[in-house]
C-alpha atoms as a PDB file:
ATOM      1  CA  GLY A   1      -0.080   0.186  -0.036  1.00  0.00           C
ATOM      2  CA  THR A   2       0.766   3.617  -0.047  1.00  0.00           C
ATOM      3  CA  VAL A   3       0.558   6.443   2.513  1.00  0.00           C
ATOM      4  CA  HIS A   4      -2.328   8.711   1.828  1.00  0.00           C
ATOM      5  CA  GLY A   5      -0.453  11.676   2.873  1.00  0.00           C
ATOM      6  CA  HIS A   6      -0.543  14.376   5.796  1.00  0.00           C
ATOM      7  CA  ILE A   7      -3.897  14.877   7.183  1.00  0.00           C
ATOM      8  CA  THR A   8      -4.540  17.410   9.993  1.00  0.00           C
ATOM      9  CA  VAL A   9      -6.353  15.878  12.814  1.00  0.00           C
ATOM     10  CA  ASP A  10      -7.719  18.558  15.592  1.00  0.00           C
ATOM     11  CA  ASP A  11      -6.782  16.644  18.539  1.00  0.00           C
ATOM     12  CA  VAL A  12      -3.173  16.087  17.880  1.00  0.00           C
ATOM     13  CA  ASP A  13      -0.500  18.521  17.471  1.00  0.00           C
ATOM     14  CA  GLY A  14      -1.978  20.087  14.188  1.00  0.00           C
ATOM     15  CA  GLN A  15       1.292  19.319  12.167  1.00  0.00           C
ATOM     16  CA  GLY A  16      -0.577  16.838  10.209  1.00  0.00           C
ATOM     17  CA  VAL A  17      -0.702  12.765  10.900  1.00  0.00           C
ATOM     18  CA  LEU A  18      -0.390  10.050   8.444  1.00  0.00           C
ATOM     19  CA  LEU A  19      -3.314   7.694   7.889  1.00  0.00           C
ATOM     20  CA  LEU A  20      -1.425   4.376   7.397  1.00  0.00           C
ATOM     21  CA  ASP A  21      -2.354   2.436   4.301  1.00  0.00           C
ATOM     22  CA  GLY A  22      -0.606  -0.646   4.440  1.00  0.00           C
ATOM     23  CA  ARG A  23       2.997   0.593   4.818  1.00  0.00           C
ATOM     24  CA  SER A  24       4.773   3.911   5.834  1.00  0.00           C
ATOM     25  CA  HIS A  25       7.597   5.345   4.202  1.00  0.00           C
ATOM     26  CA  ALA A  26      10.952   3.975   5.287  1.00  0.00           C
ATOM     27  CA  ILE A  27      13.549   6.247   7.326  1.00  0.00           C
ATOM     28  CA  THR A  28      16.932   5.019   6.290  1.00  0.00           C
ATOM     29  CA  ARG A  29      20.093   5.978   7.904  1.00  0.00           C
ATOM     30  CA  ARG A  30      23.823   4.777   7.316  1.00  0.00           C
ATOM     31  CA  ILE A  31      25.098   3.444  10.680  1.00  0.00           C
ATOM     32  CA  GLY A  32      28.383   5.447  10.615  1.00  0.00           C
ATOM     33  CA  ASP A  33      26.398   8.699  10.349  1.00  0.00           C
ATOM     34  CA  VAL A  34      24.368   7.939  13.552  1.00  0.00           C
ATOM     35  CA  SER A  35      26.615   5.833  15.729  1.00  0.00           C
ATOM     36  CA  ASP A  36      30.279   4.943  16.272  1.00  0.00           C
ATOM     37  CA  ASN A  37      29.271   1.358  17.814  1.00  0.00           C
ATOM     38  CA  LEU A  38      25.547   0.555  17.355  1.00  0.00           C
ATOM     39  CA  VAL A  39      24.133  -1.299  20.287  1.00  0.00           C
ATOM     40  CA  SER A  40      20.317  -0.669  20.018  1.00  0.00           C
ATOM     41  CA  ILE A  41      17.783   0.978  17.874  1.00  0.00           C
ATOM     42  CA  SER A  42      14.601   2.433  19.129  1.00  0.00           C
ATOM     43  CA  ALA A  43      11.662   3.509  17.253  1.00  0.00           C
ATOM     44  CA  GLY A  44       8.134   4.816  18.563  1.00  0.00           C
ATOM     45  CA  ILE A  45       5.006   6.353  17.124  1.00  0.00           C
ATOM     46  CA  LEU A  46       1.874   7.971  18.426  1.00  0.00           C
ATOM     47  CA  MET A  47      -1.011   5.915  16.929  1.00  0.00           C
ATOM     48  CA  LYS A  48      -4.715   5.864  17.158  1.00  0.00           C
ATOM     49  CA  CYS A  49      -6.787   2.950  15.724  1.00  0.00           C
ATOM     50  CA  ASP A  50     -10.747   2.028  16.393  1.00  0.00           C
ATOM     51  CA  ALA A  51     -10.054  -1.768  15.831  1.00  0.00           C
ATOM     52  CA  THR A  52      -9.776  -3.812  18.785  1.00  0.00           C
ATOM     53  CA  ASP A  53      -6.881  -5.949  17.474  1.00  0.00           C
ATOM     54  CA  PRO A  54      -5.060  -3.978  14.703  1.00  0.00           C
ATOM     55  CA  ASP A  55      -1.996  -5.890  12.932  1.00  0.00           C
ATOM     56  CA  VAL A  56       0.185  -2.834  13.589  1.00  0.00           C
ATOM     57  CA  ARG A  57       4.050  -3.716  13.577  1.00  0.00           C
ATOM     58  CA  ILE A  58       7.257  -1.563  13.828  1.00  0.00           C
ATOM     59  CA  ILE A  59       9.865  -3.122  11.464  1.00  0.00           C
ATOM     60  CA  ILE A  60      13.701  -2.178  11.691  1.00  0.00           C
ATOM     61  CA  ARG A  61      15.927  -3.793   9.200  1.00  0.00           C
ATOM     62  CA  ILE A  62      19.847  -3.662   8.561  1.00  0.00           C
ATOM     63  CA  ASP A  63      21.057  -4.072   5.129  1.00  0.00           C
ATOM     64  CA  HIS A  64      24.636  -4.114   3.666  1.00  0.00           C
ATOM     65  CA  PRO A  65      25.489  -1.388   1.323  1.00  0.00           C
ATOM     66  CA  ASP A  66      24.749  -3.715  -1.834  1.00  0.00           C
ATOM     67  CA  GLY A  67      21.324  -4.305  -0.422  1.00  0.00           C
ATOM     68  CA  THR A  68      21.577  -7.752   1.007  1.00  0.00           C
ATOM     69  CA  LEU A  69      19.535  -8.095   4.245  1.00  0.00           C
ATOM     70  CA  LEU A  70      21.861  -8.339   7.422  1.00  0.00           C
ATOM     71  CA  GLU A  71      19.109  -8.741  10.000  1.00  0.00           C
ATOM     72  CA  TRP A  72      15.577  -7.554  10.888  1.00  0.00           C
ATOM     73  CA  ASN A  73      13.224  -7.560  13.846  1.00  0.00           C
ATOM     74  CA  GLU A  74       9.699  -6.397  14.413  1.00  0.00           C
ATOM     75  CA  LYS A  75       7.510  -5.568  17.337  1.00  0.00           C
ATOM     76  CA  ARG A  76       3.640  -5.954  17.004  1.00  0.00           C
ATOM     77  CA  LEU A  77       1.051  -4.345  18.782  1.00  0.00           C
ATOM     78  CA  LEU A  78      -0.684  -6.743  21.002  1.00  0.00           C
ATOM     79  CA  ALA A  79      -4.411  -6.339  21.690  1.00  0.00           C
ATOM     80  CA  ILE A  80      -3.849  -6.646  25.375  1.00  0.00           C
ATOM     81  CA  GLU A  81      -1.582  -3.470  25.155  1.00  0.00           C
ATOM     82  CA  HIS A  82      -3.734  -1.462  22.684  1.00  0.00           C
ATOM     83  CA  ARG A  83      -6.332   1.197  23.750  1.00  0.00           C
ATOM     84  CA  PRO A  84      -8.874   1.475  20.752  1.00  0.00           C
ATOM     85  CA  ASP A  85     -10.148   4.820  19.528  1.00  0.00           C
ATOM     86  CA  GLN A  86      -7.383   6.655  21.956  1.00  0.00           C
ATOM     87  CA  TRP A  87      -4.053   8.092  21.053  1.00  0.00           C
ATOM     88  CA  GLU A  88      -1.262   5.773  22.423  1.00  0.00           C
ATOM     89  CA  ARG A  89       2.328   5.531  22.441  1.00  0.00           C
ATOM     90  CA  PHE A  90       3.879   2.510  20.568  1.00  0.00           C
ATOM     91  CA  ASN A  91       7.555   1.761  21.065  1.00  0.00           C
ATOM     92  CA  PHE A  92      10.083  -0.820  20.278  1.00  0.00           C
ATOM     93  CA  GLU A  93      13.746  -1.103  21.095  1.00  0.00           C
ATOM     94  CA  TRP A  94      15.933  -3.669  19.481  1.00  0.00           C
ATOM     95  CA  ILE A  95      19.179  -4.317  21.433  1.00  0.00           C
ATOM     96  CA  LEU A  96      21.616  -5.615  18.982  1.00  0.00           C
ATOM     97  CA  ARG A  97      23.814  -7.881  21.148  1.00  0.00           C
ATOM     98  CA  ASP A  98      26.102 -10.002  19.246  1.00  0.00           C
ATOM     99  CA  LEU A  99      25.034  -8.658  15.774  1.00  0.00           C
ATOM    100  CA  THR A 100      28.238  -7.183  13.981  1.00  0.00           C
ATOM    101  CA  THR A 101      27.476  -4.133  11.708  1.00  0.00           C
ATOM    102  CA  SER A 102      29.772  -1.934   9.583  1.00  0.00           C
ATOM    103  CA  PRO A 103      29.564   1.885   9.178  1.00  0.00           C
ATOM    104  CA  ASP A 104      28.193   1.477   5.739  1.00  0.00           C
ATOM    105  CA  ASP A 105      25.446  -0.731   6.598  1.00  0.00           C
ATOM    106  CA  LEU A 106      21.847   0.892   6.279  1.00  0.00           C
ATOM    107  CA  VAL A 107      19.276   0.798   9.153  1.00  0.00           C
ATOM    108  CA  SER A 108      15.701   1.177   7.754  1.00  0.00           C
ATOM    109  CA  MET A 109      12.418   1.835  10.140  1.00  0.00           C
ATOM    110  CA  PHE A 110       8.993   1.662   8.854  1.00  0.00           C
ATOM    111  CA  VAL A 111       5.525   0.868  10.064  1.00  0.00           C
ATOM    112  CA  ILE A 112       2.855  -1.478   8.753  1.00  0.00           C
ATOM    113  CA  GLY A 113      -0.840  -1.982   9.529  1.00  0.00           C
ATOM    114  CA  ASP A 114      -3.751  -4.061   8.060  1.00  0.00           C
ATOM    115  CA  ALA A 115      -6.460  -2.311  10.000  1.00  0.00           C
ATOM    116  CA  GLU A 116      -8.433   0.424   8.708  1.00  0.00           C
ATOM    117  CA  GLY A 117      -7.880   3.902  10.011  1.00  0.00           C
ATOM    118  CA  VAL A 118      -4.592   3.511  11.612  1.00  0.00           C
ATOM    119  CA  TRP A 119      -3.471   7.087  12.310  1.00  0.00           C
ATOM    120  CA  ILE A 120       0.182   7.520  13.169  1.00  0.00           C
ATOM    121  CA  ASP A 121       2.009  10.671  14.395  1.00  0.00           C
ATOM    122  CA  ASP A 122       5.183  11.994  16.294  1.00  0.00           C
ATOM    123  CA  LEU A 123       7.497   9.221  14.923  1.00  0.00           C
ATOM    124  CA  SER A 124      10.932   9.038  17.063  1.00  0.00           C
ATOM    125  CA  VAL A 125      14.011   7.027  16.116  1.00  0.00           C
ATOM    126  CA  VAL A 126      17.164   6.644  18.540  1.00  0.00           C
ATOM    127  CA  PHE A 127      20.387   4.968  17.698  1.00  0.00           C
ATOM    128  CA  ARG A 128      22.315   4.146  20.791  1.00  0.00           C
ATOM    129  CA  SER A 129      26.091   3.912  20.786  1.00  0.00           C
ATOM    130  CA  ARG A 130      28.412   1.920  23.125  1.00  0.00           C
ATOM    131  CA  THR A 131      30.396   5.331  23.687  1.00  0.00           C
ATOM    132  CA  PRO A 132      29.545   8.915  22.812  1.00  0.00           C
ATOM    133  CA  VAL A 133      29.428   9.618  19.174  1.00  0.00           C
ATOM    134  CA  ARG A 134      32.352  11.734  17.929  1.00  0.00           C
ATOM    135  CA  PRO A 135      31.624  15.250  16.600  1.00  0.00           C
ATOM    136  CA  ALA A 136      31.368  15.422  12.855  1.00  0.00           C
ATOM    137  CA  GLU A 137      34.303  17.081  10.970  1.00  0.00           C
ATOM    138  CA  PRO A 138      33.327  20.609   9.985  1.00  0.00           C
ATOM    139  CA  HIS A 139      33.133  20.856   6.263  1.00  0.00           C
ATOM    140  CA  ALA A 140      32.301  24.094   3.966  1.00  0.00           C
END
């Protein structure tokens, strides 16, 4: 599916939310640009859906520069954790443990859902390093 686009909903922040139609656009970052030694990736959304058990998932995948998949993981919103017809935060943290990545590998995050009327807003993505990230070299 495709994303319908940004639609303003009055009871959110007014900056425009997405009506999820199958799959959101992916946010992709090169690991070397966001971390010196990546140990975890967190992603979260604010969401609202009338369905009692929507199949909404946050997907995170890591690909090598040539496009081959290194690893992926997901978190599914469980019905017991879901509050129908209310704005709620849905978060996922993937701790990489022994997974070896390279600076040129690409991390992508997206949301999928098969229920009607899944609204998403306020996406957050956090990349955690084992040590603080070094400042980037200045450039003109």
